Amino acid sequence: MELTASPPRFREGCEAARRAGQVVGFVPTMGALHEGHASLLRRAMDECGFVALSIFVNPLQFGPAEDIAAYPRPLEADLAMADGLGCDLVFAPTEAEIYPRGRPEVTVDPGPLGDLLEGASRPGHFRGVLTVVAKLFNLAGDCRAYFGEKDAQQLALVARMVRDLDFPVEVVPCRTSRQPDGLAISSRNAYLTEEERDAAAVLFEALTAAAGLVRQGERRGDVLRAEMAKRVGAEPSAKLDYVAAVDDATWENVHTLNGPSRALVAARFGKARLIDNVTLPWEPRWSVQNSDAEEDS
């Protein structure tokens, strides 16, 4: 495994792999690697001949009230995991190497979706995310880029950026890795006390409850959102930020489910702010049933 902090060397490593006829798999991260990242790397290795990993704590995506200095940076442990999994190239630049002239004057506008949900709670966050991902994609070049579905809004925005700006990148969504009780694996889980860790399982319980209602025939978005809010609100350790049920393609708030949709939740447990989401059950025949019901009403 090669380690580099040099953007030109990272670009050349990916280009050399393509010249050798290999498909480049790329996993961009902020480090503090865990099983969720490992699952992305394993999938990339299954599907690609050459796998590159980036580790960079991006200052542009942290707000004024967020302590970037406290973000974990266990580089030696991260490199050991990447090496053990068989990663070919690790790009771990400094801030000066990514932003040599300081904060960039030109950034990527995430569009209207960037102001909703996570964007509303963390103003400017997605502009920072897309700006650094655009820089990384420009360095990596033609590749398959692997992102976890836990950060579903980020994944949707990266896919839109690739589509709208014609990056030679295939964005590959990967299933959320979870603990046995359903808690989504996240670097931020390390901030939880033992009691908060147990309480945080309520997020997946709330999402599962919404999915269960859909299976039972519920289609009203307000009912699903109310159920999730009630579940999280009943946990004393949780400070609810938002619940949402959105169309999985447009990300518009759902009034009545009439196609593939997604339930999302965000809440704070002590120092940790956690997010999670699930796709809601859907079968094409339900659209026909809903249409018939609307015509009869």
Protein backbone atom coordinates (compact mmCIF):
# COMPACT_ATOMS: atom_id res chain seq x y z
CA MET A 1 0.00 0.00 0.00
CA GLU A 2 1.31 3.43 -0.95
CA LEU A 3 0.71 6.49 1.24
CA THR A 4 0.97 9.99 -0.21
CA ALA A 5 0.09 13.52 0.84
CA SER A 6 0.82 14.90 -2.64
CA PRO A 7 -2.14 15.74 -4.92
CA PRO A 8 -0.04 15.27 -8.10
CA ARG A 9 1.16 11.87 -6.88
CA PHE A 10 -2.41 10.81 -6.04
CA ARG A 11 -3.52 11.83 -9.54
CA GLU A 12 -0.62 9.98 -11.14
CA GLY A 13 -1.29 6.82 -9.11
CA CYS A 14 -4.89 6.70 -10.34
CA GLU A 15 -3.87 7.50 -13.91
CA ALA A 16 -1.22 4.76 -13.88
CA ALA A 17 -3.80 2.22 -12.75
CA ARG A 18 -6.11 3.18 -15.62
CA ARG A 19 -3.23 2.96 -18.12
CA ALA A 20 -2.68 -0.57 -16.85
CA GLY A 21 -6.30 -1.37 -17.72
CA GLN A 22 -7.62 -1.31 -14.16
CA VAL A 23 -10.89 0.22 -12.96
CA VAL A 24 -10.20 2.69 -10.17
CA GLY A 25 -12.37 2.45 -7.05
CA PHE A 26 -12.27 5.51 -4.81
CA VAL A 27 -13.47 5.86 -1.20
CA PRO A 28 -13.31 9.46 0.08
CA THR A 29 -13.36 9.77 3.90
CA MET A 30 -12.48 12.06 6.78
CA GLY A 31 -10.68 9.23 8.54
CA ALA A 32 -11.51 7.71 11.94
CA LEU A 33 -12.26 4.59 9.90
CA HIS A 34 -14.78 2.06 11.17
CA GLU A 35 -16.70 -0.93 9.87
CA GLY A 36 -18.84 1.29 7.66
CA HIS A 37 -15.75 2.52 5.82
CA ALA A 38 -14.38 -1.03 5.74
CA SER A 39 -17.54 -2.21 3.98
CA LEU A 40 -17.06 0.49 1.31
CA LEU A 41 -13.46 -0.56 0.79
CA ARG A 42 -14.36 -4.24 0.59
CA ARG A 43 -17.02 -3.56 -2.03
CA ALA A 44 -14.61 -1.39 -4.03
CA MET A 45 -12.04 -4.19 -3.93
CA ASP A 46 -14.60 -6.71 -5.12
CA GLU A 47 -15.55 -4.53 -8.09
CA CYS A 48 -12.34 -2.70 -9.04
CA GLY A 49 -8.77 -3.60 -9.87
CA PHE A 50 -7.26 -0.65 -8.01
CA VAL A 51 -8.62 0.96 -4.84
CA ALA A 52 -7.74 4.42 -3.54
CA LEU A 53 -8.75 5.91 -0.20
CA SER A 54 -8.58 9.56 0.83
CA ILE A 55 -8.35 10.76 4.43
CA PHE A 56 -8.93 14.48 4.87
CA VAL A 57 -10.78 16.41 7.57
CA ASN A 58 -12.31 19.13 5.44
CA PRO A 59 -12.57 22.49 7.24
CA LEU A 60 -15.06 23.89 4.72
CA GLN A 61 -17.86 21.63 5.93
CA PHE A 62 -17.60 22.57 9.61
CA GLY A 63 -19.72 25.42 10.93
CA PRO A 64 -18.65 28.08 13.46
CA ALA A 65 -20.22 26.15 16.35
CA GLU A 66 -18.60 22.85 15.33
CA ASP A 67 -15.22 22.01 16.83
CA ILE A 68 -13.07 20.76 13.97
CA ALA A 69 -10.08 20.48 16.31
CA ALA A 70 -11.93 17.82 18.31
CA TYR A 71 -12.60 15.62 15.27
CA PRO A 72 -10.73 12.30 15.73
CA ARG A 73 -7.63 11.77 13.60
CA PRO A 74 -6.25 8.28 14.38
CA LEU A 75 -4.11 8.16 11.23
CA GLU A 76 -1.95 5.18 12.24
CA ALA A 77 -5.01 3.05 13.01
CA ASP A 78 -6.65 4.18 9.76
CA LEU A 79 -3.60 3.21 7.73
CA ALA A 80 -3.42 -0.17 9.45
CA MET A 81 -7.06 -0.87 8.57
CA ALA A 82 -6.60 0.24 4.96
CA ASP A 83 -3.47 -1.86 4.58
CA GLY A 84 -5.13 -4.87 6.18
CA LEU A 85 -8.02 -4.65 3.75
CA GLY A 86 -5.68 -4.48 0.75
CA CYS A 87 -6.04 -0.84 -0.26
CA ASP A 88 -3.59 0.18 -3.02
CA LEU A 89 -3.23 3.93 -2.46
CA VAL A 90 -4.02 6.22 0.47
CA PHE A 91 -4.16 9.97 -0.07
CA ALA A 92 -3.81 11.82 3.27
CA PRO A 93 -3.08 15.47 2.47
CA THR A 94 -2.77 18.42 4.80
CA GLU A 95 -5.10 21.39 4.60
CA ALA A 96 -2.35 23.40 2.88
CA GLU A 97 -2.03 20.77 0.17
CA ILE A 98 -5.77 20.76 -0.57
CA TYR A 99 -6.24 24.53 -0.19
CA PRO A 100 -2.78 25.98 -0.96
CA ARG A 101 -4.16 29.54 -1.31
CA GLY A 102 -6.40 29.29 1.74
CA ARG A 103 -10.15 28.94 1.55
CA PRO A 104 -11.18 28.87 -2.10
CA GLU A 105 -12.99 31.79 -3.68
CA VAL A 106 -14.81 29.47 -6.08
CA THR A 107 -16.98 26.79 -4.47
CA VAL A 108 -19.71 24.38 -5.54
CA ASP A 109 -23.30 25.55 -5.03
CA PRO A 110 -25.36 22.55 -3.84
CA GLY A 111 -28.62 24.04 -5.13
CA PRO A 112 -31.97 24.07 -3.27
CA LEU A 113 -31.50 20.62 -1.70
CA GLY A 114 -28.40 21.94 0.04
CA ASP A 115 -30.55 24.24 2.17
CA LEU A 116 -32.92 21.54 3.46
CA LEU A 117 -32.68 19.12 6.40
CA GLU A 118 -28.94 18.80 7.13
CA GLY A 119 -28.36 21.97 5.14
CA ALA A 120 -30.82 23.89 7.31
CA SER A 121 -29.27 22.55 10.50
CA ARG A 122 -25.71 23.11 9.28
CA PRO A 123 -25.68 26.15 6.95
CA GLY A 124 -22.90 25.98 4.37
CA HIS A 125 -22.13 22.34 5.17
CA PHE A 126 -22.95 20.90 1.77
CA ARG A 127 -21.16 23.68 -0.11
CA GLY A 128 -18.06 22.62 1.77
CA VAL A 129 -18.68 18.93 1.14
CA LEU A 130 -19.24 19.31 -2.60
CA THR A 131 -16.27 21.63 -3.01
CA VAL A 132 -13.81 19.15 -1.53
CA VAL A 133 -15.43 16.17 -3.28
CA ALA A 134 -15.16 18.03 -6.60
CA LYS A 135 -11.45 18.60 -5.95
CA LEU A 136 -10.94 14.93 -5.04
CA PHE A 137 -12.84 13.75 -8.11
CA ASN A 138 -10.70 16.01 -10.32
CA LEU A 139 -7.61 14.36 -8.86
CA ALA A 140 -8.92 10.79 -8.98
CA GLY A 141 -10.31 11.08 -12.52
CA ASP A 142 -12.43 8.37 -14.14
CA CYS A 143 -13.46 6.10 -11.27
CA ARG A 144 -16.18 4.40 -9.28
CA ALA A 145 -16.72 6.37 -6.05
CA TYR A 146 -18.27 4.61 -3.06
CA PHE A 147 -20.49 6.43 -0.55
CA GLY A 148 -22.57 5.11 2.34
CA GLU A 149 -26.34 5.57 2.38
CA LYS A 150 -26.23 6.69 6.03
CA ASP A 151 -25.43 10.17 4.70
CA ALA A 152 -28.26 9.93 2.17
CA GLN A 153 -28.63 13.66 1.50
CA GLN A 154 -24.89 14.00 0.92
CA LEU A 155 -25.02 11.00 -1.42
CA ALA A 156 -27.90 12.54 -3.38
CA LEU A 157 -26.06 15.86 -3.72
CA VAL A 158 -22.82 14.21 -4.85
CA ALA A 159 -24.77 12.24 -7.47
CA ARG A 160 -26.45 15.44 -8.68
CA MET A 161 -23.11 17.23 -8.89
CA VAL A 162 -21.62 14.40 -10.94
CA ARG A 163 -24.64 14.42 -13.25
CA ASP A 164 -24.92 18.18 -13.68
CA LEU A 165 -21.19 18.94 -13.99
CA ASP A 166 -20.28 15.88 -16.10
CA PHE A 167 -17.66 14.32 -13.86
CA PRO A 168 -16.31 11.01 -15.26
CA VAL A 169 -17.35 9.30 -12.03
CA GLU A 170 -19.85 6.57 -11.24
CA VAL A 171 -21.29 7.16 -7.77
CA VAL A 172 -21.97 3.84 -6.04
CA PRO A 173 -24.42 3.87 -3.08
CA CYS A 174 -23.61 1.37 -0.33
CA ARG A 175 -25.88 0.00 2.38
CA THR A 176 -25.64 1.52 5.88
CA SER A 177 -23.59 -0.58 8.32
CA ARG A 178 -25.35 -1.06 11.66
CA GLN A 179 -24.79 -2.35 15.17
CA PRO A 180 -26.91 -5.35 16.25
CA ASP A 181 -29.52 -3.00 17.79
CA GLY A 182 -29.77 -1.04 14.53
CA LEU A 183 -27.66 2.00 15.44
CA ALA A 184 -25.91 3.24 12.31
CA ILE A 185 -22.13 2.96 12.63
CA SER A 186 -20.59 6.44 12.68
CA SER A 187 -17.37 8.12 13.80
CA ARG A 188 -19.55 10.36 15.97
CA ASN A 189 -20.70 7.39 18.06
CA ALA A 190 -17.38 7.68 19.88
CA TYR A 191 -18.70 10.86 21.57
CA LEU A 192 -21.56 8.95 23.24
CA THR A 193 -21.56 7.88 26.87
CA GLU A 194 -22.71 4.33 27.58
CA GLU A 195 -26.20 5.57 28.47
CA GLU A 196 -26.39 7.80 25.39
CA ARG A 197 -25.21 4.94 23.22
CA ASP A 198 -28.09 2.77 24.42
CA ALA A 199 -30.56 5.63 23.97
CA ALA A 200 -29.38 6.35 20.42
CA ALA A 201 -30.91 3.09 19.20
CA VAL A 202 -34.23 4.98 19.27
CA LEU A 203 -33.36 6.55 15.91
CA PHE A 204 -33.50 3.24 14.08
CA GLU A 205 -36.54 2.22 16.12
CA ALA A 206 -38.35 5.36 14.93
CA LEU A 207 -37.40 4.74 11.30
CA THR A 208 -38.43 1.09 11.58
CA ALA A 209 -41.78 2.14 13.05
CA ALA A 210 -42.42 4.41 10.06
CA ALA A 211 -41.56 1.59 7.67
CA GLY A 212 -43.89 -0.71 9.59
CA LEU A 213 -46.77 1.73 9.19
CA VAL A 214 -46.20 1.81 5.44
CA ARG A 215 -46.30 -1.99 5.31
CA GLN A 216 -49.63 -1.82 7.14
CA GLY A 217 -51.05 0.49 4.47
CA GLU A 218 -50.28 3.98 5.80
CA ARG A 219 -49.43 6.44 3.01
CA ARG A 220 -49.77 9.84 4.73
CA GLY A 221 -46.44 11.56 5.21
CA ASP A 222 -47.64 13.57 8.20
CA VAL A 223 -48.60 10.37 10.04
CA LEU A 224 -45.17 8.86 9.41
CA ARG A 225 -43.39 12.01 10.57
CA ALA A 226 -45.55 12.22 13.69
CA GLU A 227 -44.80 8.61 14.58
CA MET A 228 -41.05 9.13 14.26
CA ALA A 229 -41.15 12.36 16.28
CA LYS A 230 -43.19 10.64 18.99
CA ARG A 231 -40.75 7.74 19.26
CA VAL A 232 -37.65 9.95 19.48
CA GLY A 233 -39.41 12.44 21.77
CA ALA A 234 -40.17 9.68 24.25
CA GLU A 235 -36.43 9.14 24.82
CA PRO A 236 -35.28 11.57 27.54
CA SER A 237 -31.68 11.59 26.30
CA ALA A 238 -32.64 12.61 22.77
CA LYS A 239 -32.97 16.20 21.56
CA LEU A 240 -34.81 15.94 18.26
CA ASP A 241 -33.58 18.07 15.37
CA TYR A 242 -35.87 16.89 12.57
CA VAL A 243 -37.83 14.02 11.09
CA ALA A 244 -38.71 13.83 7.41
CA ALA A 245 -40.36 11.66 4.80
CA VAL A 246 -39.27 12.62 1.30
CA ASP A 247 -39.56 11.43 -2.28
CA ASP A 248 -36.40 9.41 -2.90
CA ALA A 249 -35.79 10.99 -6.31
CA THR A 250 -36.80 14.64 -5.84
CA TRP A 251 -36.27 14.94 -2.06
CA GLU A 252 -39.49 16.89 -1.86
CA ASN A 253 -41.53 16.48 1.32
CA VAL A 254 -44.09 13.72 0.83
CA HIS A 255 -47.76 14.46 1.44
CA THR A 256 -48.98 11.05 0.26
CA LEU A 257 -46.54 8.27 -0.59
CA ASN A 258 -46.92 7.52 -4.27
CA GLY A 259 -43.52 6.06 -5.09
CA PRO A 260 -40.13 5.20 -3.56
CA SER A 261 -39.58 7.37 -0.49
CA ARG A 262 -37.15 7.78 2.38
CA ALA A 263 -37.59 8.47 6.09
CA LEU A 264 -34.91 10.51 7.85
CA VAL A 265 -34.19 11.58 11.41
CA ALA A 266 -31.58 13.68 13.22
CA ALA A 267 -31.16 14.14 16.95
CA ARG A 268 -28.56 15.10 19.50
CA PHE A 269 -27.46 12.83 22.33
CA GLY A 270 -25.16 14.76 24.63
CA LYS A 271 -22.22 16.02 22.55
CA ALA A 272 -23.07 13.85 19.56
CA ARG A 273 -25.45 14.80 16.78
CA LEU A 274 -26.54 11.67 14.91
CA ILE A 275 -28.44 11.15 11.66
CA ASP A 276 -30.03 8.08 10.12
CA ASN A 277 -32.45 7.12 7.38
CA VAL A 278 -34.13 4.16 5.70
CA THR A 279 -35.85 3.66 2.40
CA LEU A 280 -39.55 3.06 2.98
CA PRO A 281 -41.20 -0.11 1.63
CA TRP A 282 -42.72 0.32 -1.78
CA GLU A 283 -44.22 -1.82 -4.53
CA PRO A 284 -45.20 -0.45 -7.98
CA ARG A 285 -48.73 -1.87 -7.64
CA TRP A 286 -49.35 0.53 -4.73
CA SER A 287 -49.20 3.50 -7.14
CA VAL A 288 -52.10 2.03 -9.08
CA GLN A 289 -54.07 1.49 -5.88
CA ASN A 290 -53.41 5.06 -4.75
CA SER A 291 -54.49 6.43 -8.14
CA ASP A 292 -57.72 4.41 -8.01
CA ALA A 293 -58.43 5.68 -4.50
CA GLU A 294 -57.88 9.31 -5.57
CA GLU A 295 -60.27 8.88 -8.51
CA ASP A 296 -62.96 7.42 -6.23
CA SER A 297 -62.65 10.23 -3.66
